[in-house]
C-alpha atoms as a PDB file:
ATOM      1  CA  MET A   1      13.609   3.216  -0.501  1.00  0.00           C
ATOM      2  CA  THR A   2      10.731   2.545   1.529  1.00  0.00           C
ATOM      3  CA  THR A   3       7.477   1.343   0.093  1.00  0.00           C
ATOM      4  CA  ILE A   4       4.001   0.885   1.902  1.00  0.00           C
ATOM      5  CA  ILE A   5       1.582  -1.747   1.294  1.00  0.00           C
ATOM      6  CA  ILE A   6      -1.970  -0.805   2.574  1.00  0.00           C
ATOM      7  CA  ILE A   7      -3.535  -4.218   3.669  1.00  0.00           C
ATOM      8  CA  LYS A   8      -7.805  -3.778   3.473  1.00  0.00           C
ATOM      9  CA  SER A   9      -8.084  -7.381   2.905  1.00  0.00           C
ATOM     10  CA  VAL A  10      -6.281 -10.658   3.409  1.00  0.00           C
ATOM     11  CA  ASP A  11      -7.668 -11.172  -0.224  1.00  0.00           C
ATOM     12  CA  GLN A  12      -5.019  -8.873  -1.798  1.00  0.00           C
ATOM     13  CA  GLU A  13      -2.711 -11.564  -2.934  1.00  0.00           C
ATOM     14  CA  PRO A  14      -3.068  -9.691  -6.877  1.00  0.00           C
ATOM     15  CA  ALA A  15      -2.261  -6.126  -5.657  1.00  0.00           C
ATOM     16  CA  VAL A  16       0.696  -7.395  -3.630  1.00  0.00           C
ATOM     17  CA  ARG A  17       2.106  -9.685  -6.224  1.00  0.00           C
ATOM     18  CA  GLU A  18       1.724  -6.959  -8.736  1.00  0.00           C
ATOM     19  CA  VAL A  19       3.078  -3.957  -6.340  1.00  0.00           C
ATOM     20  CA  LEU A  20       6.472  -6.768  -5.588  1.00  0.00           C
ATOM     21  CA  GLU A  21       6.961  -6.957  -9.131  1.00  0.00           C
ATOM     22  CA  SER A  22       6.607  -4.465 -10.904  1.00  0.00           C
ATOM     23  CA  VAL A  23       6.987  -1.596  -8.616  1.00  0.00           C
ATOM     24  CA  VAL A  24       9.209  -2.397  -6.015  1.00  0.00           C
ATOM     25  CA  ASP A  25      13.249  -2.842  -6.912  1.00  0.00           C
ATOM     26  CA  GLY A  26      15.739  -4.892  -5.585  1.00  0.00           C
ATOM     27  CA  ASP A  27      16.771  -3.861  -1.668  1.00  0.00           C
ATOM     28  CA  ASP A  28      13.855  -1.946  -1.141  1.00  0.00           C
ATOM     29  CA  THR A  29      11.994  -1.935   2.210  1.00  0.00           C
ATOM     30  CA  VAL A  30       8.229  -2.862   2.096  1.00  0.00           C
ATOM     31  CA  CYS A  31       5.976  -2.104   4.774  1.00  0.00           C
ATOM     32  CA  PHE A  32       3.063  -4.058   5.051  1.00  0.00           C
ATOM     33  CA  LEU A  33       0.617  -1.780   6.310  1.00  0.00           C
ATOM     34  CA  ARG A  34      -2.352  -3.386   7.325  1.00  0.00           C
ATOM     35  CA  LEU A  35      -6.215  -1.851   8.811  1.00  0.00           C
ATOM     36  CA  PRO A  36      -7.224  -3.006  12.352  1.00  0.00           C
ATOM     37  CA  THR A  37     -10.058  -5.088  10.813  1.00  0.00           C
ATOM     38  CA  VAL A  38      -7.367  -7.294   9.145  1.00  0.00           C
ATOM     39  CA  ARG A  39      -6.640  -9.654  11.952  1.00  0.00           C
ATOM     40  CA  CYS A  40      -3.747 -11.402  10.078  1.00  0.00           C
ATOM     41  CA  LEU A  41      -1.484 -11.684   7.186  1.00  0.00           C
ATOM     42  CA  GLY A  42      -0.013 -14.679   7.847  1.00  0.00           C
ATOM     43  CA  ALA A  43      -2.098 -16.939   4.724  1.00  0.00           C
ATOM     44  CA  LEU A  44      -1.231 -13.108   2.430  1.00  0.00           C
ATOM     45  CA  ILE A  45       2.819 -13.168   3.404  1.00  0.00           C
ATOM     46  CA  GLN A  46       2.832 -17.325   3.064  1.00  0.00           C
ATOM     47  CA  ALA A  47       1.212 -16.992  -0.302  1.00  0.00           C
ATOM     48  CA  VAL A  48       3.794 -14.367  -1.763  1.00  0.00           C
ATOM     49  CA  ASN A  49       6.559 -16.047  -0.590  1.00  0.00           C
ATOM     50  CA  PRO A  50       9.704 -16.617  -0.860  1.00  0.00           C
ATOM     51  CA  MET A  51      10.154 -12.946  -0.156  1.00  0.00           C
ATOM     52  CA  ILE A  52      13.879 -13.189  -0.974  1.00  0.00           C
ATOM     53  CA  ASN A  53      13.415 -13.996  -4.517  1.00  0.00           C
ATOM     54  CA  TYR A  54      11.869  -9.972  -4.758  1.00  0.00           C
ATOM     55  CA  GLY A  55      15.077  -8.752  -2.828  1.00  0.00           C
ATOM     56  CA  ILE A  56      13.205  -7.248  -0.284  1.00  0.00           C
ATOM     57  CA  ASP A  57      13.157  -6.729   3.651  1.00  0.00           C
ATOM     58  CA  TYR A  58      10.247  -6.280   5.085  1.00  0.00           C
ATOM     59  CA  SER A  59       7.537  -5.424   8.211  1.00  0.00           C
ATOM     60  CA  ILE A  60       4.357  -6.048   9.101  1.00  0.00           C
ATOM     61  CA  ASN A  61       2.535  -2.693  10.905  1.00  0.00           C
ATOM     62  CA  CYS A  62      -0.924  -2.073  11.901  1.00  0.00           C
ATOM     63  CA  LEU A  63      -3.046   1.274  11.925  1.00  0.00           C
ATOM     64  CA  PRO A  64      -4.810   2.306  15.482  1.00  0.00           C
ATOM     65  CA  GLU A  65      -8.363   1.251  15.930  1.00  0.00           C
ATOM     66  CA  GLY A  66     -10.425   4.326  14.814  1.00  0.00           C
ATOM     67  CA  TYR A  67      -7.559   5.950  12.572  1.00  0.00           C
ATOM     68  CA  ASP A  68      -7.640   8.316   9.975  1.00  0.00           C
ATOM     69  CA  THR A  69      -5.928   9.365   7.378  1.00  0.00           C
ATOM     70  CA  ALA A  70      -3.399  11.618   9.176  1.00  0.00           C
ATOM     71  CA  ASP A  71      -1.902   8.385  11.179  1.00  0.00           C
ATOM     72  CA  LEU A  72      -1.809   6.865   7.737  1.00  0.00           C
ATOM     73  CA  VAL A  73       0.252  10.269   6.471  1.00  0.00           C
ATOM     74  CA  GLU A  74       2.487  10.396  10.040  1.00  0.00           C
ATOM     75  CA  PHE A  75       3.423   6.620   9.256  1.00  0.00           C
ATOM     76  CA  ALA A  76       4.668   7.537   5.967  1.00  0.00           C
ATOM     77  CA  ILE A  77       6.788  10.063   7.021  1.00  0.00           C
ATOM     78  CA  ASP A  78       7.792   8.458   9.910  1.00  0.00           C
ATOM     79  CA  VAL A  79       9.448   5.686   7.765  1.00  0.00           C
ATOM     80  CA  ASP A  80      10.268   8.125   5.472  1.00  0.00           C
ATOM     81  CA  ALA A  81       8.110   6.282   2.344  1.00  0.00           C
ATOM     82  CA  ASN A  82       8.639   6.688  -0.944  1.00  0.00           C
ATOM     83  CA  ARG A  83       5.517   5.509  -2.435  1.00  0.00           C
ATOM     84  CA  ILE A  84       1.985   4.091  -0.894  1.00  0.00           C
ATOM     85  CA  CYS A  85       0.301   1.122  -2.784  1.00  0.00           C
ATOM     86  CA  ILE A  86      -3.431   0.520  -2.331  1.00  0.00           C
ATOM     87  CA  GLY A  87      -4.857  -2.211  -3.972  1.00  0.00           C
ATOM     88  CA  ILE A  88      -7.552  -2.176  -6.438  1.00  0.00           C
ATOM     89  CA  SER A  89     -10.367  -3.765  -4.257  1.00  0.00           C
ATOM     90  CA  GLU A  90     -14.017  -2.947  -6.876  1.00  0.00           C
ATOM     91  CA  LYS A  91     -13.740  -2.777 -10.640  1.00  0.00           C
ATOM     92  CA  THR A  92     -16.748  -1.021 -12.989  1.00  0.00           C
ATOM     93  CA  LEU A  93     -18.207  -2.880 -15.226  1.00  0.00           C
ATOM     94  CA  THR A  94     -15.811  -1.528 -18.266  1.00  0.00           C
ATOM     95  CA  GLY A  95     -13.039  -2.591 -15.813  1.00  0.00           C
ATOM     96  CA  LYS A  96     -11.946   0.601 -14.266  1.00  0.00           C
ATOM     97  CA  ALA A  97     -10.939   1.095 -10.739  1.00  0.00           C
ATOM     98  CA  ARG A  98     -13.648   2.270  -8.486  1.00  0.00           C
ATOM     99  CA  ILE A  99     -11.999   4.229  -6.069  1.00  0.00           C
ATOM    100  CA  ASP A 100     -12.654   4.045  -2.213  1.00  0.00           C
ATOM    101  CA  ASP A 101     -13.248   5.930   0.674  1.00  0.00           C
ATOM    102  CA  LEU A 102      -9.477   5.194   1.845  1.00  0.00           C
ATOM    103  CA  THR A 103      -8.065   5.638  -1.339  1.00  0.00           C
ATOM    104  CA  GLN A 104      -9.668   8.952  -2.380  1.00  0.00           C
ATOM    105  CA  SER A 105      -8.843  10.540   1.347  1.00  0.00           C
ATOM    106  CA  ILE A 106      -4.818   9.694   0.973  1.00  0.00           C
ATOM    107  CA  LEU A 107      -5.192  11.437  -2.558  1.00  0.00           C
ATOM    108  CA  LEU A 108      -6.998  14.179  -1.118  1.00  0.00           C
ATOM    109  CA  HIS A 109      -4.622  14.669   1.876  1.00  0.00           C
ATOM    110  CA  ASP A 110      -3.475  18.104   2.447  1.00  0.00           C
ATOM    111  CA  ASP A 111       0.074  17.268   3.466  1.00  0.00           C
ATOM    112  CA  ILE A 112       1.025  14.263   1.143  1.00  0.00           C
ATOM    113  CA  SER A 113       0.915  14.396  -3.167  1.00  0.00           C
ATOM    114  CA  GLY A 114       2.837  12.247  -5.449  1.00  0.00           C
ATOM    115  CA  ASP A 115       2.416  10.981  -9.242  1.00  0.00           C
ATOM    116  CA  VAL A 116      -0.793   8.527  -8.984  1.00  0.00           C
ATOM    117  CA  ILE A 117      -0.492   5.301 -11.272  1.00  0.00           C
ATOM    118  CA  VAL A 118      -2.957   3.202 -11.699  1.00  0.00           C
ATOM    119  CA  GLY A 119      -2.111  -0.563 -12.783  1.00  0.00           C
ATOM    120  CA  ASP A 120      -4.554  -3.517 -12.886  1.00  0.00           C
ATOM    121  CA  ASN A 121      -4.810  -4.849  -9.057  1.00  0.00           C
ATOM    122  CA  ALA A 122      -3.249  -1.332  -7.377  1.00  0.00           C
ATOM    123  CA  ILE A 123      -3.411   2.119  -7.244  1.00  0.00           C
ATOM    124  CA  ILE A 124       0.641   4.061  -6.724  1.00  0.00           C
ATOM    125  CA  LEU A 125       0.826   7.189  -5.318  1.00  0.00           C
ATOM    126  CA  GLU A 126       5.055   7.708  -5.846  1.00  0.00           C
ATOM    127  CA  GLU A 127       7.180  10.027  -6.294  1.00  0.00           C
ATOM    128  CA  LEU A 128       5.780  11.374  -2.558  1.00  0.00           C
ATOM    129  CA  ASP A 129       6.322  14.562  -1.302  1.00  0.00           C
ATOM    130  CA  TYR A 130       5.237  15.752   2.329  1.00  0.00           C
ATOM    131  CA  ASP A 131       4.029  18.947   3.217  1.00  0.00           C
ATOM    132  CA  GLY A 132       3.276  19.073   6.742  1.00  0.00           C
END
């Protein structure tokens, strides 16, 4: 299986750990997909290392400047992703996940569908089906 973890900020260690520990299975492939505003993932990757403890292969990729959701969906199709994981960057006063524009546009995109799971630190769209 292939899992995409969208990195919106280098401060997403809790979301990345949650995905690696509870969603990703051994022998999975993980694609860290960083937004263009995130320059380097070195500190984040180092914080969740060693990756061997999770039994995964991983790659680091970047969305192009001026990307849109279609670029992200195209990337997911290219790597045959089974799930897309997005860190929850903000919660309401009652502790519910606040959906940002990126997450909303992925969840509502016409060419992709799946089951939505909301964790403590991440929103996961899994069992992806591509209609495009």
